[in-house]
Amino acid sequence: MKLKINPWEKASFEDDTVNIDDVSVQYMQNPDCTEDSDGDPQTIIISSRNNGIARFINISTTNWSIGSVDELVQIINDFCNRAGIDLNKEQSHEEI
């Protein structure tokens, strides 16, 4: 038996189907060279959960250094790809 795995936006409750509800990814990078760096890797956690109305993306970190906004955009795009979130689709409450 092969399961069909759907992101929440494409959820269906049929036999042999599994739906993804919550997704969390922790990204890590080498510490930077600032004075307050303790030598531990920097981490950023991005998670997503459907609250029944819409899917929200949450970002949590205590220290994450970027050289440009493009780096953060790349990370968010990677998360959305892994979570099955289509950033190009705008949804209204009527569509959900």
PDB file of N, CA and C in Angstrom:
ATOM      1  N   MET A   1       0.850  -1.181   0.000  1.00  0.00           N
ATOM      2  CA  MET A   1       0.000   0.000   0.000  1.00  0.00           C
ATOM      3  C   MET A   1       0.891   1.239   0.000  1.00  0.00           C
ATOM      4  N   LYS A   2       0.616   2.148  -0.900  1.00  0.00           N
ATOM      5  CA  LYS A   2       1.336   3.414  -0.956  1.00  0.00           C
ATOM      6  C   LYS A   2       0.409   4.519  -0.458  1.00  0.00           C
ATOM      7  N   LEU A   3       0.885   5.258   0.563  1.00  0.00           N
ATOM      8  CA  LEU A   3       0.100   6.351   1.118  1.00  0.00           C
ATOM      9  C   LEU A   3       0.203   7.597   0.254  1.00  0.00           C
ATOM     10  N   LYS A   4      -0.858   8.330   0.197  1.00  0.00           N
ATOM     11  CA  LYS A   4      -0.851   9.655  -0.416  1.00  0.00           C
ATOM     12  C   LYS A   4      -0.707  10.645   0.732  1.00  0.00           C
ATOM     13  N   ILE A   5       0.343  11.487   0.690  1.00  0.00           N
ATOM     14  CA  ILE A   5       0.607  12.438   1.761  1.00  0.00           C
ATOM     15  C   ILE A   5       0.346  13.848   1.239  1.00  0.00           C
ATOM     16  N   ASN A   6      -0.576  14.551   1.877  1.00  0.00           N
ATOM     17  CA  ASN A   6      -1.007  15.876   1.430  1.00  0.00           C
ATOM     18  C   ASN A   6      -0.658  16.951   2.444  1.00  0.00           C
ATOM     19  N   PRO A   7      -0.241  18.144   1.963  1.00  0.00           N
ATOM     20  CA  PRO A   7      -0.198  19.293   2.876  1.00  0.00           C
ATOM     21  C   PRO A   7      -1.633  19.642   3.260  1.00  0.00           C
ATOM     22  N   TRP A   8      -1.802  20.344   4.372  1.00  0.00           N
ATOM     23  CA  TRP A   8      -3.139  20.619   4.892  1.00  0.00           C
ATOM     24  C   TRP A   8      -4.043  21.302   3.869  1.00  0.00           C
ATOM     25  N   GLU A   9      -3.479  22.176   3.061  1.00  0.00           N
ATOM     26  CA  GLU A   9      -4.297  22.903   2.086  1.00  0.00           C
ATOM     27  C   GLU A   9      -4.932  21.971   1.060  1.00  0.00           C
ATOM     28  N   LYS A  10      -4.382  20.784   0.888  1.00  0.00           N
ATOM     29  CA  LYS A  10      -4.937  19.803  -0.055  1.00  0.00           C
ATOM     30  C   LYS A  10      -5.452  18.570   0.679  1.00  0.00           C
ATOM     31  N   ALA A  11      -5.794  18.735   1.949  1.00  0.00           N
ATOM     32  CA  ALA A  11      -6.206  17.604   2.773  1.00  0.00           C
ATOM     33  C   ALA A  11      -7.462  16.938   2.241  1.00  0.00           C
ATOM     34  N   SER A  12      -7.453  15.627   2.335  1.00  0.00           N
ATOM     35  CA  SER A  12      -8.650  14.838   2.059  1.00  0.00           C
ATOM     36  C   SER A  12      -8.655  13.691   3.060  1.00  0.00           C
ATOM     37  N   PHE A  13      -9.809  13.262   3.435  1.00  0.00           N
ATOM     38  CA  PHE A  13      -9.919  12.217   4.446  1.00  0.00           C
ATOM     39  C   PHE A  13     -10.450  10.946   3.794  1.00  0.00           C
ATOM     40  N   GLU A  14      -9.559  10.379   2.975  1.00  0.00           N
ATOM     41  CA  GLU A  14      -9.866   9.150   2.259  1.00  0.00           C
ATOM     42  C   GLU A  14      -8.946   8.050   2.781  1.00  0.00           C
ATOM     43  N   ASP A  15      -9.279   6.816   2.457  1.00  0.00           N
ATOM     44  CA  ASP A  15      -8.407   5.707   2.822  1.00  0.00           C
ATOM     45  C   ASP A  15      -7.050   5.899   2.168  1.00  0.00           C
ATOM     46  N   ASP A  16      -6.004   5.427   2.827  1.00  0.00           N
ATOM     47  CA  ASP A  16      -4.625   5.482   2.324  1.00  0.00           C
ATOM     48  C   ASP A  16      -4.128   6.918   2.111  1.00  0.00           C
ATOM     49  N   THR A  17      -4.682   7.881   2.856  1.00  0.00           N
ATOM     50  CA  THR A  17      -4.275   9.277   2.755  1.00  0.00           C
ATOM     51  C   THR A  17      -3.873   9.793   4.134  1.00  0.00           C
ATOM     52  N   VAL A  18      -2.754  10.498   4.170  1.00  0.00           N
ATOM     53  CA  VAL A  18      -2.269  11.124   5.390  1.00  0.00           C
ATOM     54  C   VAL A  18      -2.131  12.618   5.109  1.00  0.00           C
ATOM     55  N   ASN A  19      -2.562  13.443   6.050  1.00  0.00           N
ATOM     56  CA  ASN A  19      -2.496  14.894   5.879  1.00  0.00           C
ATOM     57  C   ASN A  19      -1.494  15.489   6.865  1.00  0.00           C
ATOM     58  N   ILE A  20      -0.688  16.416   6.387  1.00  0.00           N
ATOM     59  CA  ILE A  20       0.297  17.098   7.219  1.00  0.00           C
ATOM     60  C   ILE A  20      -0.383  18.305   7.854  1.00  0.00           C
ATOM     61  N   ASP A  21      -0.310  18.402   9.167  1.00  0.00           N
ATOM     62  CA  ASP A  21      -0.934  19.521   9.873  1.00  0.00           C
ATOM     63  C   ASP A  21       0.114  20.502  10.369  1.00  0.00           C
ATOM     64  N   ASP A  22       1.015  20.056  11.236  1.00  0.00           N
ATOM     65  CA  ASP A  22       2.053  20.920  11.789  1.00  0.00           C
ATOM     66  C   ASP A  22       3.392  20.561  11.161  1.00  0.00           C
ATOM     67  N   VAL A  23       4.183  21.585  10.864  1.00  0.00           N
ATOM     68  CA  VAL A  23       5.519  21.375  10.323  1.00  0.00           C
ATOM     69  C   VAL A  23       6.470  22.294  11.078  1.00  0.00           C
ATOM     70  N   SER A  24       7.634  21.762  11.468  1.00  0.00           N
ATOM     71  CA  SER A  24       8.654  22.559  12.143  1.00  0.00           C
ATOM     72  C   SER A  24      10.019  22.135  11.621  1.00  0.00           C
ATOM     73  N   VAL A  25      10.834  23.122  11.242  1.00  0.00           N
ATOM     74  CA  VAL A  25      12.181  22.855  10.762  1.00  0.00           C
ATOM     75  C   VAL A  25      13.143  23.744  11.533  1.00  0.00           C
ATOM     76  N   GLN A  26      14.220  23.145  12.026  1.00  0.00           N
ATOM     77  CA  GLN A  26      15.264  23.913  12.700  1.00  0.00           C
ATOM     78  C   GLN A  26      16.462  24.007  11.769  1.00  0.00           C
ATOM     79  N   TYR A  27      16.850  25.224  11.442  1.00  0.00           N
ATOM     80  CA  TYR A  27      18.023  25.486  10.613  1.00  0.00           C
ATOM     81  C   TYR A  27      19.172  25.892  11.527  1.00  0.00           C
ATOM     82  N   MET A  28      20.381  25.483  11.165  1.00  0.00           N
ATOM     83  CA  MET A  28      21.559  25.811  11.986  1.00  0.00           C
ATOM     84  C   MET A  28      22.661  26.356  11.087  1.00  0.00           C
ATOM     85  N   GLN A  29      23.460  27.253  11.647  1.00  0.00           N
ATOM     86  CA  GLN A  29      24.640  27.755  10.943  1.00  0.00           C
ATOM     87  C   GLN A  29      25.747  28.019  11.960  1.00  0.00           C
ATOM     88  N   ASN A  30      26.958  28.138  11.443  1.00  0.00           N
ATOM     89  CA  ASN A  30      28.105  28.419  12.304  1.00  0.00           C
ATOM     90  C   ASN A  30      27.901  29.733  13.040  1.00  0.00           C
ATOM     91  N   PRO A  31      28.467  29.850  14.246  1.00  0.00           N
ATOM     92  CA  PRO A  31      28.349  31.122  14.979  1.00  0.00           C
ATOM     93  C   PRO A  31      29.086  32.238  14.238  1.00  0.00           C
ATOM     94  N   ASP A  32      28.642  33.459  14.462  1.00  0.00           N
ATOM     95  CA  ASP A  32      29.338  34.587  13.848  1.00  0.00           C
ATOM     96  C   ASP A  32      30.487  35.030  14.759  1.00  0.00           C
ATOM     97  N   CYS A  33      31.171  36.063  14.354  1.00  0.00           N
ATOM     98  CA  CYS A  33      32.371  36.478  15.093  1.00  0.00           C
ATOM     99  C   CYS A  33      32.113  37.707  15.966  1.00  0.00           C
ATOM    100  N   THR A  34      30.869  37.950  16.371  1.00  0.00           N
ATOM    101  CA  THR A  34      30.582  39.096  17.225  1.00  0.00           C
ATOM    102  C   THR A  34      31.018  38.805  18.658  1.00  0.00           C
ATOM    103  N   GLU A  35      31.140  39.857  19.430  1.00  0.00           N
ATOM    104  CA  GLU A  35      31.611  39.728  20.812  1.00  0.00           C
ATOM    105  C   GLU A  35      30.683  38.880  21.679  1.00  0.00           C
ATOM    106  N   ASP A  36      29.381  38.903  21.396  1.00  0.00           N
ATOM    107  CA  ASP A  36      28.446  38.167  22.239  1.00  0.00           C
ATOM    108  C   ASP A  36      28.268  36.710  21.794  1.00  0.00           C
ATOM    109  N   SER A  37      29.022  36.262  20.804  1.00  0.00           N
ATOM    110  CA  SER A  37      28.923  34.882  20.346  1.00  0.00           C
ATOM    111  C   SER A  37      29.572  33.954  21.365  1.00  0.00           C
ATOM    112  N   ASP A  38      28.870  32.897  21.751  1.00  0.00           N
ATOM    113  CA  ASP A  38      29.404  31.946  22.733  1.00  0.00           C
ATOM    114  C   ASP A  38      29.998  30.707  22.065  1.00  0.00           C
ATOM    115  N   GLY A  39      30.085  30.715  20.751  1.00  0.00           N
ATOM    116  CA  GLY A  39      30.662  29.594  20.022  1.00  0.00           C
ATOM    117  C   GLY A  39      29.663  28.526  19.632  1.00  0.00           C
ATOM    118  N   ASP A  40      28.438  28.603  20.135  1.00  0.00           N
ATOM    119  CA  ASP A  40      27.413  27.632  19.764  1.00  0.00           C
ATOM    120  C   ASP A  40      26.840  27.977  18.393  1.00  0.00           C
ATOM    121  N   PRO A  41      26.390  26.957  17.660  1.00  0.00           N
ATOM    122  CA  PRO A  41      25.756  27.244  16.369  1.00  0.00           C
ATOM    123  C   PRO A  41      24.526  28.126  16.552  1.00  0.00           C
ATOM    124  N   GLN A  42      24.261  28.951  15.569  1.00  0.00           N
ATOM    125  CA  GLN A  42      23.050  29.761  15.576  1.00  0.00           C
ATOM    126  C   GLN A  42      21.914  28.903  15.022  1.00  0.00           C
ATOM    127  N   THR A  43      20.741  29.062  15.593  1.00  0.00           N
ATOM    128  CA  THR A  43      19.587  28.300  15.130  1.00  0.00           C
ATOM    129  C   THR A  43      18.396  29.218  14.890  1.00  0.00           C
ATOM    130  N   ILE A  44      17.607  28.832  13.934  1.00  0.00           N
ATOM    131  CA  ILE A  44      16.331  29.497  13.673  1.00  0.00           C
ATOM    132  C   ILE A  44      15.317  28.380  13.469  1.00  0.00           C
ATOM    133  N   ILE A  45      14.185  28.499  14.128  1.00  0.00           N
ATOM    134  CA  ILE A  45      13.129  27.501  14.001  1.00  0.00           C
ATOM    135  C   ILE A  45      11.960  28.151  13.278  1.00  0.00           C
ATOM    136  N   ILE A  46      11.545  27.517  12.198  1.00  0.00           N
ATOM    137  CA  ILE A  46      10.380  27.992  11.454  1.00  0.00           C
ATOM    138  C   ILE A  46       9.332  26.898  11.550  1.00  0.00           C
ATOM    139  N   SER A  47       8.131  27.282  11.953  1.00  0.00           N
ATOM    140  CA  SER A  47       7.056  26.309  12.091  1.00  0.00           C
ATOM    141  C   SER A  47       5.792  26.853  11.448  1.00  0.00           C
ATOM    142  N   SER A  48       4.899  25.936  11.170  1.00  0.00           N
ATOM    143  CA  SER A  48       3.642  26.303  10.543  1.00  0.00           C
ATOM    144  C   SER A  48       2.539  25.418  11.100  1.00  0.00           C
ATOM    145  N   ARG A  49       1.396  26.010  11.294  1.00  0.00           N
ATOM    146  CA  ARG A  49       0.255  25.263  11.803  1.00  0.00           C
ATOM    147  C   ARG A  49      -1.019  25.855  11.228  1.00  0.00           C
ATOM    148  N   ASN A  50      -1.936  24.995  10.876  1.00  0.00           N
ATOM    149  CA  ASN A  50      -3.225  25.446  10.403  1.00  0.00           C
ATOM    150  C   ASN A  50      -4.130  25.585  11.613  1.00  0.00           C
ATOM    151  N   ASN A  51      -4.676  26.778  11.814  1.00  0.00           N
ATOM    152  CA  ASN A  51      -5.532  27.014  12.979  1.00  0.00           C
ATOM    153  C   ASN A  51      -7.007  26.800  12.665  1.00  0.00           C
ATOM    154  N   GLY A  52      -7.302  26.220  11.506  1.00  0.00           N
ATOM    155  CA  GLY A  52      -8.685  25.990  11.105  1.00  0.00           C
ATOM    156  C   GLY A  52      -9.199  27.056  10.160  1.00  0.00           C
ATOM    157  N   ILE A  53      -8.536  28.196  10.114  1.00  0.00           N
ATOM    158  CA  ILE A  53      -8.925  29.274   9.206  1.00  0.00           C
ATOM    159  C   ILE A  53      -7.848  29.483   8.149  1.00  0.00           C
ATOM    160  N   ALA A  54      -6.600  29.499   8.596  1.00  0.00           N
ATOM    161  CA  ALA A  54      -5.486  29.734   7.675  1.00  0.00           C
ATOM    162  C   ALA A  54      -4.219  29.132   8.267  1.00  0.00           C
ATOM    163  N   ARG A  55      -3.209  29.017   7.438  1.00  0.00           N
ATOM    164  CA  ARG A  55      -1.907  28.524   7.887  1.00  0.00           C
ATOM    165  C   ARG A  55      -1.025  29.730   8.177  1.00  0.00           C
ATOM    166  N   PHE A  56      -0.416  29.715   9.348  1.00  0.00           N
ATOM    167  CA  PHE A  56       0.485  30.783   9.745  1.00  0.00           C
ATOM    168  C   PHE A  56       1.896  30.244   9.851  1.00  0.00           C
ATOM    169  N   ILE A  57       2.872  31.075   9.534  1.00  0.00           N
ATOM    170  CA  ILE A  57       4.280  30.718   9.654  1.00  0.00           C
ATOM    171  C   ILE A  57       4.847  31.494  10.835  1.00  0.00           C
ATOM    172  N   ASN A  58       5.510  30.779  11.738  1.00  0.00           N
ATOM    173  CA  ASN A  58       6.133  31.390  12.910  1.00  0.00           C
ATOM    174  C   ASN A  58       7.642  31.227  12.812  1.00  0.00           C
ATOM    175  N   ILE A  59       8.379  32.274  13.163  1.00  0.00           N
ATOM    176  CA  ILE A  59       9.842  32.253  13.126  1.00  0.00           C
ATOM    177  C   ILE A  59      10.340  32.566  14.534  1.00  0.00           C
ATOM    178  N   SER A  60      11.244  31.707  15.032  1.00  0.00           N
ATOM    179  CA  SER A  60      11.773  31.874  16.380  1.00  0.00           C
ATOM    180  C   SER A  60      13.289  31.710  16.364  1.00  0.00           C
ATOM    181  N   THR A  61      13.989  32.646  17.007  1.00  0.00           N
ATOM    182  CA  THR A  61      15.436  32.554  17.127  1.00  0.00           C
ATOM    183  C   THR A  61      15.902  33.442  18.272  1.00  0.00           C
ATOM    184  N   THR A  62      17.042  33.099  18.846  1.00  0.00           N
ATOM    185  CA  THR A  62      17.665  33.990  19.812  1.00  0.00           C
ATOM    186  C   THR A  62      18.832  34.718  19.173  1.00  0.00           C
ATOM    187  N   ASN A  63      19.394  34.132  18.116  1.00  0.00           N
ATOM    188  CA  ASN A  63      20.504  34.772  17.413  1.00  0.00           C
ATOM    189  C   ASN A  63      20.654  34.125  16.038  1.00  0.00           C
ATOM    190  N   TRP A  64      20.465  34.908  14.995  1.00  0.00           N
ATOM    191  CA  TRP A  64      20.629  34.424  13.627  1.00  0.00           C
ATOM    192  C   TRP A  64      21.141  35.594  12.804  1.00  0.00           C
ATOM    193  N   SER A  65      22.333  35.465  12.262  1.00  0.00           N
ATOM    194  CA  SER A  65      22.937  36.546  11.482  1.00  0.00           C
ATOM    195  C   SER A  65      22.754  36.280   9.993  1.00  0.00           C
ATOM    196  N   ILE A  66      22.422  37.333   9.261  1.00  0.00           N
ATOM    197  CA  ILE A  66      22.307  37.225   7.811  1.00  0.00           C
ATOM    198  C   ILE A  66      23.113  38.343   7.177  1.00  0.00           C
ATOM    199  N   GLY A  67      23.613  38.069   5.979  1.00  0.00           N
ATOM    200  CA  GLY A  67      24.350  39.078   5.235  1.00  0.00           C
ATOM    201  C   GLY A  67      23.444  39.914   4.357  1.00  0.00           C
ATOM    202  N   SER A  68      22.269  39.362   4.025  1.00  0.00           N
ATOM    203  CA  SER A  68      21.303  40.095   3.211  1.00  0.00           C
ATOM    204  C   SER A  68      19.917  39.499   3.421  1.00  0.00           C
ATOM    205  N   VAL A  69      18.910  40.255   3.090  1.00  0.00           N
ATOM    206  CA  VAL A  69      17.527  39.783   3.215  1.00  0.00           C
ATOM    207  C   VAL A  69      17.308  38.573   2.312  1.00  0.00           C
ATOM    208  N   ASP A  70      18.021  38.513   1.190  1.00  0.00           N
ATOM    209  CA  ASP A  70      17.882  37.378   0.274  1.00  0.00           C
ATOM    210  C   ASP A  70      18.162  36.051   0.966  1.00  0.00           C
ATOM    211  N   GLU A  71      19.093  36.025   1.916  1.00  0.00           N
ATOM    212  CA  GLU A  71      19.389  34.793   2.648  1.00  0.00           C
ATOM    213  C   GLU A  71      18.169  34.334   3.442  1.00  0.00           C
ATOM    214  N   LEU A  72      17.499  35.262   4.106  1.00  0.00           N
ATOM    215  CA  LEU A  72      16.311  34.917   4.874  1.00  0.00           C
ATOM    216  C   LEU A  72      15.177  34.471   3.948  1.00  0.00           C
ATOM    217  N   VAL A  73      15.041  35.123   2.824  1.00  0.00           N
ATOM    218  CA  VAL A  73      14.026  34.737   1.834  1.00  0.00           C
ATOM    219  C   VAL A  73      14.283  33.313   1.349  1.00  0.00           C
ATOM    220  N   GLN A  74      15.546  32.962   1.111  1.00  0.00           N
ATOM    221  CA  GLN A  74      15.881  31.602   0.678  1.00  0.00           C
ATOM    222  C   GLN A  74      15.477  30.575   1.736  1.00  0.00           C
ATOM    223  N   ILE A  75      15.723  30.894   2.998  1.00  0.00           N
ATOM    224  CA  ILE A  75      15.374  29.969   4.074  1.00  0.00           C
ATOM    225  C   ILE A  75      13.854  29.814   4.173  1.00  0.00           C
ATOM    226  N   ILE A  76      13.122  30.912   4.092  1.00  0.00           N
ATOM    227  CA  ILE A  76      11.661  30.841   4.161  1.00  0.00           C
ATOM    228  C   ILE A  76      11.109  30.065   2.963  1.00  0.00           C
ATOM    229  N   ASN A  77      11.663  30.297   1.786  1.00  0.00           N
ATOM    230  CA  ASN A  77      11.227  29.542   0.614  1.00  0.00           C
ATOM    231  C   ASN A  77      11.503  28.050   0.775  1.00  0.00           C
ATOM    232  N   ASP A  78      12.668  27.706   1.341  1.00  0.00           N
ATOM    233  CA  ASP A  78      12.986  26.301   1.583  1.00  0.00           C
ATOM    234  C   ASP A  78      11.972  25.690   2.545  1.00  0.00           C
ATOM    235  N   PHE A  79      11.665  26.404   3.622  1.00  0.00           N
ATOM    236  CA  PHE A  79      10.682  25.896   4.577  1.00  0.00           C
ATOM    237  C   PHE A  79       9.333  25.668   3.900  1.00  0.00           C
ATOM    238  N   CYS A  80       8.885  26.641   3.136  1.00  0.00           N
ATOM    239  CA  CYS A  80       7.583  26.517   2.475  1.00  0.00           C
ATOM    240  C   CYS A  80       7.565  25.334   1.516  1.00  0.00           C
ATOM    241  N   ASN A  81       8.664  25.111   0.823  1.00  0.00           N
ATOM    242  CA  ASN A  81       8.761  23.960  -0.065  1.00  0.00           C
ATOM    243  C   ASN A  81       8.634  22.663   0.738  1.00  0.00           C
ATOM    244  N   ARG A  82       9.346  22.569   1.848  1.00  0.00           N
ATOM    245  CA  ARG A  82       9.295  21.361   2.683  1.00  0.00           C
ATOM    246  C   ARG A  82       7.925  21.172   3.321  1.00  0.00           C
ATOM    247  N   ALA A  83       7.256  22.269   3.669  1.00  0.00           N
ATOM    248  CA  ALA A  83       5.957  22.202   4.343  1.00  0.00           C
ATOM    249  C   ALA A  83       4.784  22.102   3.371  1.00  0.00           C
ATOM    250  N   GLY A  84       5.059  22.229   2.075  1.00  0.00           N
ATOM    251  CA  GLY A  84       3.983  22.170   1.093  1.00  0.00           C
ATOM    252  C   GLY A  84       3.139  23.421   1.055  1.00  0.00           C
ATOM    253  N   ILE A  85       3.734  24.562   1.398  1.00  0.00           N
ATOM    254  CA  ILE A  85       3.014  25.836   1.403  1.00  0.00           C
ATOM    255  C   ILE A  85       3.295  26.559   0.092  1.00  0.00           C
ATOM    256  N   ASP A  86       2.245  26.936  -0.617  1.00  0.00           N
ATOM    257  CA  ASP A  86       2.383  27.651  -1.878  1.00  0.00           C
ATOM    258  C   ASP A  86       2.340  29.151  -1.598  1.00  0.00           C
ATOM    259  N   LEU A  87       3.504  29.796  -1.661  1.00  0.00           N
ATOM    260  CA  LEU A  87       3.567  31.239  -1.390  1.00  0.00           C
ATOM    261  C   LEU A  87       2.943  32.079  -2.493  1.00  0.00           C
ATOM    262  N   ASN A  88       2.777  31.500  -3.669  1.00  0.00           N
ATOM    263  CA  ASN A  88       2.226  32.257  -4.796  1.00  0.00           C
ATOM    264  C   ASN A  88       0.708  32.285  -4.784  1.00  0.00           C
ATOM    265  N   LYS A  89       0.096  31.478  -3.939  1.00  0.00           N
ATOM    266  CA  LYS A  89      -1.362  31.427  -3.891  1.00  0.00           C
ATOM    267  C   LYS A  89      -1.860  32.275  -2.737  1.00  0.00           C
ATOM    268  N   GLU A  90      -2.613  33.298  -3.057  1.00  0.00           N
ATOM    269  CA  GLU A  90      -3.231  34.113  -2.017  1.00  0.00           C
ATOM    270  C   GLU A  90      -4.613  33.551  -1.745  1.00  0.00           C
ATOM    271  N   GLN A  91      -4.925  33.338  -0.478  1.00  0.00           N
ATOM    272  CA  GLN A  91      -6.218  32.796  -0.113  1.00  0.00           C
ATOM    273  C   GLN A  91      -7.012  33.811   0.688  1.00  0.00           C
ATOM    274  N   SER A  92      -8.275  33.879   0.361  1.00  0.00           N
ATOM    275  CA  SER A  92      -9.179  34.671   1.183  1.00  0.00           C
ATOM    276  C   SER A  92      -9.907  33.712   2.116  1.00  0.00           C
ATOM    277  N   HIS A  93     -10.542  34.221   3.126  1.00  0.00           N
ATOM    278  CA  HIS A  93     -11.279  33.361   4.051  1.00  0.00           C
ATOM    279  C   HIS A  93     -12.397  32.610   3.336  1.00  0.00           C
ATOM    280  N   GLU A  94     -12.927  33.169   2.261  1.00  0.00           N
ATOM    281  CA  GLU A  94     -14.000  32.503   1.520  1.00  0.00           C
ATOM    282  C   GLU A  94     -13.491  31.268   0.797  1.00  0.00           C
ATOM    283  N   GLU A  95     -12.195  31.248   0.413  1.00  0.00           N
ATOM    284  CA  GLU A  95     -11.642  30.113  -0.312  1.00  0.00           C
ATOM    285  C   GLU A  95     -11.360  28.931   0.597  1.00  0.00           C
ATOM    286  N   ILE A  96     -11.192  29.178   1.867  1.00  0.00           N
ATOM    287  CA  ILE A  96     -10.736  28.128   2.785  1.00  0.00           C
ATOM    288  C   ILE A  96     -11.910  27.276   3.245  1.00  0.00           C
TER     289      ILE A  96
END
